[in-house]
Amino acid sequence: MLKLILLSFWGAILGSYFKINGNPNGDIILACAIIFKFTGIIGLLYFNRKKIVEFLN
């Protein structure tokens, strides 16, 4: 899951570079970066839910 989050940062940087240079694929790369970030965060929360509940109690 951490690899997905790191991949999303790289995708955001690469997508913004393509977007600035006028490449239409920059939107697709930025959208994939957003999806990877949400997937990584949801996965981290899902697989560590027991630790989170113990921490909050």
C-alpha atoms as a PDB file:
ATOM      1  CA  MET A   1       0.000   0.000   0.000  1.00  0.00           C
ATOM      2  CA  LEU A   2       2.869   2.345   0.709  1.00  0.00           C
ATOM      3  CA  LYS A   3       4.196   1.625  -2.775  1.00  0.00           C
ATOM      4  CA  LEU A   4       0.868   2.783  -4.222  1.00  0.00           C
ATOM      5  CA  ILE A   5       1.074   6.027  -2.286  1.00  0.00           C
ATOM      6  CA  LEU A   6       4.649   6.606  -3.440  1.00  0.00           C
ATOM      7  CA  LEU A   7       3.603   5.780  -6.999  1.00  0.00           C
ATOM      8  CA  SER A   8       0.827   8.358  -6.739  1.00  0.00           C
ATOM      9  CA  PHE A   9       3.341  11.075  -5.824  1.00  0.00           C
ATOM     10  CA  TRP A  10       5.472  10.162  -8.831  1.00  0.00           C
ATOM     11  CA  GLY A  11       2.372  10.102 -11.038  1.00  0.00           C
ATOM     12  CA  ALA A  12       1.304  13.527  -9.818  1.00  0.00           C
ATOM     13  CA  ILE A  13       4.707  15.006 -10.606  1.00  0.00           C
ATOM     14  CA  LEU A  14       4.856  13.351 -14.012  1.00  0.00           C
ATOM     15  CA  GLY A  15       1.233  14.215 -14.827  1.00  0.00           C
ATOM     16  CA  SER A  16       1.688  17.863 -13.897  1.00  0.00           C
ATOM     17  CA  TYR A  17       4.815  18.024 -16.068  1.00  0.00           C
ATOM     18  CA  PHE A  18       2.894  16.631 -19.046  1.00  0.00           C
ATOM     19  CA  LYS A  19      -0.063  18.932 -18.322  1.00  0.00           C
ATOM     20  CA  ILE A  20       2.168  22.016 -18.255  1.00  0.00           C
ATOM     21  CA  ASN A  21       3.749  21.039 -21.580  1.00  0.00           C
ATOM     22  CA  GLY A  22       0.319  20.647 -23.189  1.00  0.00           C
ATOM     23  CA  ASN A  23       0.238  16.864 -23.540  1.00  0.00           C
ATOM     24  CA  PRO A  24      -3.391  15.639 -23.294  1.00  0.00           C
ATOM     25  CA  ASN A  25      -2.284  12.462 -21.487  1.00  0.00           C
ATOM     26  CA  GLY A  26      -1.415  14.520 -18.418  1.00  0.00           C
ATOM     27  CA  ASP A  27      -5.056  14.406 -17.308  1.00  0.00           C
ATOM     28  CA  ILE A  28      -5.087  10.614 -17.428  1.00  0.00           C
ATOM     29  CA  ILE A  29      -1.854  10.358 -15.435  1.00  0.00           C
ATOM     30  CA  LEU A  30      -3.174  12.786 -12.804  1.00  0.00           C
ATOM     31  CA  ALA A  31      -6.422  10.828 -12.537  1.00  0.00           C
ATOM     32  CA  CYS A  32      -4.480   7.587 -12.043  1.00  0.00           C
ATOM     33  CA  ALA A  33      -2.378   9.271  -9.357  1.00  0.00           C
ATOM     34  CA  ILE A  34      -5.559  10.263  -7.495  1.00  0.00           C
ATOM     35  CA  ILE A  35      -6.943   6.723  -7.774  1.00  0.00           C
ATOM     36  CA  PHE A  36      -3.655   5.212  -6.544  1.00  0.00           C
ATOM     37  CA  LYS A  37      -3.590   7.581  -3.571  1.00  0.00           C
ATOM     38  CA  PHE A  38      -7.154   6.780  -2.501  1.00  0.00           C
ATOM     39  CA  THR A  39      -6.576   3.052  -2.993  1.00  0.00           C
ATOM     40  CA  GLY A  40      -3.420   3.178  -0.882  1.00  0.00           C
ATOM     41  CA  ILE A  41      -5.069   5.123   1.935  1.00  0.00           C
ATOM     42  CA  ILE A  42      -8.132   2.870   1.993  1.00  0.00           C
ATOM     43  CA  GLY A  43      -5.888  -0.210   1.983  1.00  0.00           C
ATOM     44  CA  LEU A  44      -3.786   1.070   4.869  1.00  0.00           C
ATOM     45  CA  LEU A  45      -6.884   1.868   6.887  1.00  0.00           C
ATOM     46  CA  TYR A  46      -8.508  -1.483   6.083  1.00  0.00           C
ATOM     47  CA  PHE A  47      -5.518  -3.676   6.903  1.00  0.00           C
ATOM     48  CA  ASN A  48      -4.667  -1.763  10.092  1.00  0.00           C
ATOM     49  CA  ARG A  49      -8.187  -1.273  11.438  1.00  0.00           C
ATOM     50  CA  LYS A  50      -7.526  -3.329  14.595  1.00  0.00           C
ATOM     51  CA  LYS A  51      -4.534  -1.194  15.523  1.00  0.00           C
ATOM     52  CA  ILE A  52      -6.498   1.991  14.837  1.00  0.00           C
ATOM     53  CA  VAL A  53      -9.406   0.883  17.024  1.00  0.00           C
ATOM     54  CA  GLU A  54      -7.010  -0.103  19.847  1.00  0.00           C
ATOM     55  CA  PHE A  55      -5.291   3.269  19.569  1.00  0.00           C
ATOM     56  CA  LEU A  56      -8.582   5.166  19.741  1.00  0.00           C
ATOM     57  CA  ASN A  57      -9.849   3.239  22.808  1.00  0.00           C
END
